[in-house]
Protein backbone atom coordinates (compact mmCIF):
# COMPACT_ATOMS: atom_id res chain seq x y z
CA MET A 1 -6.72 -25.02 11.71
CA LYS A 2 -3.12 -23.15 11.45
CA THR A 3 -3.58 -20.22 9.04
CA ALA A 4 -0.08 -18.39 7.88
CA ILE A 5 -0.59 -14.44 6.62
CA VAL A 6 1.57 -13.74 3.69
CA THR A 7 1.90 -10.38 2.22
CA ASP A 8 4.08 -8.48 0.04
CA SER A 9 7.13 -5.74 0.97
CA THR A 10 4.47 -2.83 -0.24
CA CYS A 11 2.68 -3.04 2.96
CA TYR A 12 5.50 -1.05 4.55
CA LEU A 13 5.20 -2.71 8.16
CA SER A 14 8.04 -2.19 10.74
CA ALA A 15 10.29 -5.30 11.58
CA ARG A 16 8.89 -5.34 14.95
CA GLU A 17 5.12 -5.63 13.80
CA ILE A 18 6.29 -8.22 11.01
CA SER A 19 8.07 -10.35 13.85
CA ASP A 20 5.51 -10.12 16.73
CA ASN A 21 2.61 -11.07 14.16
CA ASN A 22 4.59 -14.02 12.54
CA ILE A 23 3.72 -12.25 9.01
CA THR A 24 6.04 -13.26 6.03
CA ILE A 25 6.90 -10.78 3.73
CA VAL A 26 7.49 -11.46 -0.11
CA PRO A 27 9.87 -8.77 -1.36
CA ILE A 28 8.68 -6.91 -4.71
CA PRO A 29 11.44 -6.05 -7.11
CA VAL A 30 12.23 -2.63 -8.37
CA VAL A 31 14.52 -2.07 -11.41
CA ILE A 32 16.71 0.91 -11.40
CA ASP A 33 19.36 1.48 -14.67
CA GLY A 34 18.62 -2.42 -15.61
CA LYS A 35 19.59 -3.55 -11.99
CA SER A 36 16.71 -5.28 -9.85
CA TYR A 37 16.96 -4.85 -6.22
CA ASP A 38 14.49 -6.60 -3.84
CA GLU A 39 12.56 -4.21 -1.81
CA GLY A 40 13.50 -4.10 1.73
CA VAL A 41 16.12 -6.84 1.36
CA ASP A 42 19.09 -5.19 -0.71
CA ILE A 43 17.82 -1.79 -0.96
CA THR A 44 16.86 0.78 1.52
CA ASN A 45 14.39 3.78 1.17
CA GLU A 46 17.36 6.09 1.30
CA GLU A 47 19.43 4.30 -1.07
CA PHE A 48 16.41 4.15 -3.46
CA TYR A 49 15.61 7.75 -3.63
CA LYS A 50 19.18 8.75 -3.70
CA LYS A 51 19.56 6.56 -6.88
CA LEU A 52 16.47 8.00 -8.10
CA LYS A 53 17.81 11.45 -8.41
CA THR A 54 20.87 10.21 -10.47
CA SER A 55 19.31 7.25 -12.52
CA GLY A 56 19.49 7.51 -16.35
CA SER A 57 15.87 6.04 -16.78
CA PHE A 58 12.75 5.81 -15.35
CA PRO A 59 12.58 3.12 -12.36
CA SER A 60 10.34 0.06 -12.95
CA THR A 61 8.88 -2.90 -10.91
CA THR A 62 8.44 -6.54 -11.73
CA GLN A 63 6.67 -9.51 -9.93
CA PRO A 64 8.42 -11.95 -7.70
CA PRO A 65 9.21 -15.27 -9.40
CA LEU A 66 6.37 -17.62 -9.18
CA GLY A 67 8.70 -20.28 -8.71
CA LYS A 68 9.93 -18.92 -5.48
CA MET A 69 5.94 -18.31 -4.31
CA ILE A 70 5.01 -22.06 -4.88
CA GLU A 71 8.47 -22.84 -2.78
CA LEU A 72 7.39 -20.42 -0.01
CA TYR A 73 3.70 -21.88 0.10
CA LYS A 74 5.28 -25.53 0.35
CA GLN A 75 7.46 -24.68 3.02
CA LEU A 76 4.71 -23.11 5.10
CA ARG A 77 2.72 -26.23 4.69
CA ASP A 78 5.60 -28.38 5.62
CA GLU A 79 5.95 -26.16 8.92
CA GLY A 80 2.37 -27.22 9.70
CA TYR A 81 0.14 -25.01 8.07
CA GLU A 82 -3.23 -25.80 6.81
CA ASN A 83 -3.99 -22.61 5.02
CA VAL A 84 -2.12 -19.62 3.79
CA ILE A 85 -4.03 -16.07 3.40
CA SER A 86 -1.89 -14.28 0.97
CA ILE A 87 -2.52 -10.47 0.73
CA HIS A 88 -1.16 -8.38 -1.98
CA LEU A 89 -1.15 -4.80 -3.55
CA ALA A 90 -4.05 -4.14 -5.65
CA SER A 91 -4.52 -5.96 -9.12
CA THR A 92 -4.89 -2.74 -10.99
CA ILE A 93 -1.28 -1.68 -9.78
CA SER A 94 0.53 -5.00 -10.40
CA GLY A 95 -0.59 -8.67 -11.95
CA PHE A 96 0.78 -10.38 -8.99
CA VAL A 97 -2.62 -11.26 -7.58
CA SER A 98 -3.82 -12.81 -10.95
CA SER A 99 -0.46 -14.61 -11.01
CA LEU A 100 -0.89 -16.07 -7.61
CA ASP A 101 -4.33 -17.20 -8.51
CA SER A 102 -2.90 -19.10 -11.12
CA ILE A 103 -0.95 -21.35 -9.00
CA LYS A 104 -2.72 -21.28 -5.77
CA ASN A 105 -4.30 -24.81 -6.45
CA GLU A 106 -0.71 -26.36 -7.14
CA ILE A 107 0.26 -27.11 -3.55
CA GLU A 108 -1.20 -30.21 -2.55
CA GLY A 109 -2.04 -30.39 1.09
CA LEU A 110 -2.53 -26.38 1.48
CA ASN A 111 -5.36 -24.10 0.97
CA VAL A 112 -4.19 -20.85 -0.39
CA TYR A 113 -6.55 -17.78 -0.37
CA VAL A 114 -5.30 -15.07 -2.58
CA TYR A 115 -6.43 -11.63 -1.21
CA ASP A 116 -6.52 -8.47 -3.48
CA SER A 117 -6.13 -5.61 -0.93
CA GLU A 118 -7.48 -3.07 -3.83
CA ILE A 119 -4.96 -0.60 -2.48
CA THR A 120 -1.09 -1.10 -1.22
CA VAL A 121 1.05 0.62 1.22
CA ARG A 122 0.04 0.99 5.01
CA LEU A 123 -3.81 0.50 4.22
CA MET A 124 -2.82 -3.02 3.08
CA GLY A 125 -0.43 -3.36 6.23
CA SER A 126 -3.60 -2.54 8.31
CA LEU A 127 -5.44 -5.66 6.80
CA VAL A 128 -2.40 -7.88 7.20
CA LEU A 129 -2.13 -6.83 10.90
CA GLU A 130 -5.80 -7.65 11.21
CA ALA A 131 -5.72 -11.00 9.80
CA ALA A 132 -2.47 -12.03 11.60
CA ARG A 133 -4.64 -11.03 15.01
CA MET A 134 -7.53 -13.36 13.88
CA ALA A 135 -5.17 -16.07 12.73
CA ARG A 136 -3.26 -15.83 15.91
CA GLU A 137 -6.67 -16.42 17.83
CA GLY A 138 -7.36 -19.42 15.69
CA GLN A 139 -10.34 -18.03 13.45
CA GLU A 140 -11.41 -19.56 10.45
CA PRO A 141 -10.15 -18.37 6.97
CA ALA A 142 -13.88 -17.72 5.90
CA SER A 143 -14.22 -15.19 8.98
CA ILE A 144 -10.61 -13.62 8.41
CA LEU A 145 -11.52 -12.63 4.64
CA GLU A 146 -15.26 -11.67 5.81
CA ARG A 147 -13.72 -8.94 8.17
CA LEU A 148 -10.73 -8.15 5.76
CA ASN A 149 -13.69 -7.40 3.25
CA GLN A 150 -15.45 -5.27 5.63
CA LEU A 151 -12.27 -3.23 6.79
CA ARG A 152 -11.29 -2.82 3.33
CA SER A 153 -14.67 -1.28 2.63
CA THR A 154 -13.75 1.69 4.98
CA PHE A 155 -10.73 2.97 3.14
CA GLY A 156 -10.42 6.49 2.20
CA GLU A 157 -7.04 7.91 0.67
CA TYR A 158 -5.71 10.99 -1.26
CA PHE A 159 -2.20 11.37 -2.81
CA ILE A 160 -0.41 14.64 -3.55
CA VAL A 161 2.34 14.28 -6.46
CA ASP A 162 5.02 16.63 -7.55
CA ASP A 163 5.04 14.80 -11.07
CA LEU A 164 2.75 12.32 -12.74
CA GLN A 165 5.18 11.23 -15.34
CA ASN A 166 6.25 8.00 -13.44
CA LEU A 167 2.71 6.96 -13.33
CA VAL A 168 1.79 8.06 -16.73
CA ARG A 169 4.76 6.11 -18.38
CA GLY A 170 3.91 2.97 -16.49
CA GLY A 171 -0.02 2.94 -17.67
CA ARG A 172 -0.99 3.33 -14.03
CA LEU A 173 -2.99 6.41 -14.22
CA SER A 174 -6.56 5.48 -15.75
CA ASN A 175 -7.36 9.14 -16.92
CA ALA A 176 -3.91 10.65 -17.46
CA SER A 177 -5.08 12.18 -20.85
CA ALA A 178 -7.08 14.46 -18.84
CA PHE A 179 -4.20 15.87 -16.81
CA ILE A 180 -1.20 16.12 -19.32
CA GLY A 181 -1.40 19.65 -20.06
CA GLY A 182 0.44 22.10 -17.79
CA LEU A 183 1.67 19.39 -15.38
CA LEU A 184 4.61 21.72 -14.35
CA LYS A 185 2.20 24.28 -12.73
CA ILE A 186 -0.10 22.18 -10.76
CA LYS A 187 -0.09 19.64 -7.73
CA PRO A 188 -2.47 16.94 -9.08
CA ILE A 189 -4.48 15.15 -6.03
CA LEU A 190 -4.97 11.52 -6.77
CA THR A 191 -7.05 8.79 -5.41
CA PHE A 192 -8.63 5.35 -6.07
CA ASN A 193 -11.92 5.12 -7.85
CA ASP A 194 -14.56 2.67 -7.48
CA ALA A 195 -12.90 0.23 -9.97
CA HIS A 196 -9.78 0.35 -7.73
CA GLU A 197 -7.80 2.34 -10.38
CA ILE A 198 -5.51 5.25 -9.65
CA VAL A 199 -7.25 8.30 -10.87
CA ALA A 200 -6.41 11.95 -11.27
CA PHE A 201 -8.99 13.91 -8.99
CA GLU A 202 -8.32 17.15 -9.30
CA LYS A 203 -5.60 19.98 -10.34
CA VAL A 204 -4.53 22.30 -7.65
CA ARG A 205 -1.96 25.28 -8.16
CA SER A 206 0.29 24.74 -5.11
CA THR A 207 1.18 22.19 -2.54
CA LYS A 208 -0.31 24.27 0.33
CA LYS A 209 -3.53 24.58 -1.82
CA ALA A 210 -3.31 20.85 -2.26
CA LEU A 211 -2.91 20.12 1.27
CA ALA A 212 -5.69 22.24 2.43
CA ARG A 213 -8.42 20.75 -0.34
CA VAL A 214 -7.29 17.07 1.06
CA GLU A 215 -7.99 18.24 4.38
CA GLU A 216 -11.16 19.47 3.39
CA LEU A 217 -12.13 16.22 1.70
CA PHE A 218 -11.19 14.46 4.77
CA ALA A 219 -13.50 16.44 6.90
CA LYS A 220 -16.35 15.76 4.55
CA SER A 221 -15.71 12.27 4.71
CA LYS A 222 -15.25 12.12 8.13
CA GLU A 223 -18.66 13.72 9.13
CA ASN A 224 -20.76 10.83 7.01
CA LEU A 225 -18.70 7.84 9.34
CA ASP A 226 -20.40 6.15 12.35
CA TYR A 227 -17.21 4.26 13.52
CA PRO A 228 -14.25 5.45 15.02
CA ILE A 229 -11.14 5.73 12.36
CA ARG A 230 -7.36 6.19 12.38
CA ALA A 231 -5.63 8.20 9.95
CA ILE A 232 -2.30 7.67 8.11
CA ILE A 233 0.13 10.29 6.75
CA ILE A 234 2.34 8.68 4.07
CA HIS A 235 5.46 10.37 2.53
CA ALA A 236 7.93 9.55 -0.18
CA ASN A 237 11.22 10.57 1.43
CA ASP A 238 9.96 13.84 2.95
CA GLU A 239 9.52 12.78 6.72
CA PRO A 240 9.63 16.65 7.77
CA ALA A 241 6.51 17.65 5.53
CA ALA A 242 4.65 14.42 6.78
CA LEU A 243 5.57 15.44 10.67
CA LYS A 244 4.43 19.10 9.86
CA TRP A 245 0.96 17.95 8.39
CA GLN A 246 0.59 15.61 11.21
CA GLU A 247 0.69 18.14 13.83
CA LYS A 248 -1.41 20.55 11.85
CA LEU A 249 -4.17 17.54 11.86
CA GLN A 250 -3.65 16.67 15.39
CA THR A 251 -4.23 19.90 16.45
CA LYS A 252 -7.55 19.96 14.50
CA TYR A 253 -8.45 16.54 15.58
CA PRO A 254 -6.81 15.84 19.12
CA ASP A 255 -8.67 12.66 19.62
CA LEU A 256 -7.83 10.94 16.12
CA PRO A 257 -4.97 8.60 15.93
CA ILE A 258 -2.68 9.71 13.19
CA ASP A 259 0.38 7.62 12.13
CA ILE A 260 3.04 8.21 9.75
CA SER A 261 4.28 5.94 6.94
CA TYR A 262 6.08 6.05 3.86
CA PHE A 263 6.08 5.14 0.25
CA GLY A 264 8.94 2.58 -0.27
CA PRO A 265 10.81 1.88 -3.50
CA VAL A 266 8.14 -0.04 -5.19
CA ILE A 267 5.26 2.81 -4.82
CA GLY A 268 8.10 5.37 -4.88
CA ALA A 269 8.89 4.32 -8.29
CA HIS A 270 5.51 5.30 -9.59
CA LEU A 271 4.85 8.26 -7.51
CA GLY A 272 8.09 9.81 -7.22
CA GLU A 273 9.66 11.56 -4.33
CA LYS A 274 7.90 14.05 -1.97
CA ALA A 275 4.72 12.83 -2.75
CA LEU A 276 2.32 12.75 0.44
CA ALA A 277 -0.97 11.23 1.05
CA LEU A 278 -3.47 11.01 3.57
CA ALA A 279 -5.44 7.83 4.10
CA TRP A 280 -7.85 6.63 6.81
CA LEU A 281 -9.88 3.49 7.80
CA GLU A 282 -11.87 2.01 10.54
CA ASP A 283 -9.78 1.98 13.70
CA TYR A 284 -9.28 -1.91 13.81
CA THR A 285 -7.23 -1.69 16.98
CA LYS A 286 -10.48 -0.92 18.82
CA GLN A 287 -11.79 -4.41 19.38
């Protein structure tokens, strides 16, 4: 059975990865000063962060129109696909997964499996790449979904942000009240809790201390793992800081694959510029 892999633009895969793996990307709109832009289509990362500095209001995000999603699924069916696995950003961040669940049975002759990644960014992109590999091999949707669940269970991540204002205003920080006081003097460390919500984990007094604390948390997590992992450093328009951190970690862990990725406009709208993250997961490339 022929299976298509669909995801949204917050996976932040490269153009080559998308093309080589026959992945369909749905752009998520970001709104700046009342104007809507489709991420990765009519606004680049550089343009977004430049606009962010001069915008008169906080940016926001919206869901892609469901009518366009129905058209996309029908197009894939007409191209000969019998199944679609649609992998998207966490339902705790966006209502997109819930919206897709409401229409997944409307496309006659096509089985649509809507998958909540429970995360976003390059971690979600890793799920997408693994699903694409398995689909290319002709594996059944049930096997692919089972593997995605297993890989998703290996995710770990910590975020360091300069400013919580966007997350607080957007209602995407579940324990915001505990972190409102004295925000100008701290670097909050965020993570996802067991309910897959973004939560403030600790208050740290400087970026240097925040990085050191994340490294400590990563080391403790790594000690308890019995499978190979790969790490990802993710930045919001601060590649020099990401590369510097990568160099430091690579010296400490010379055999650990450490990739560099980024927070694009949609996620950057909530985290703000200069955010940094360290994420890790099972090394799915070692099959």
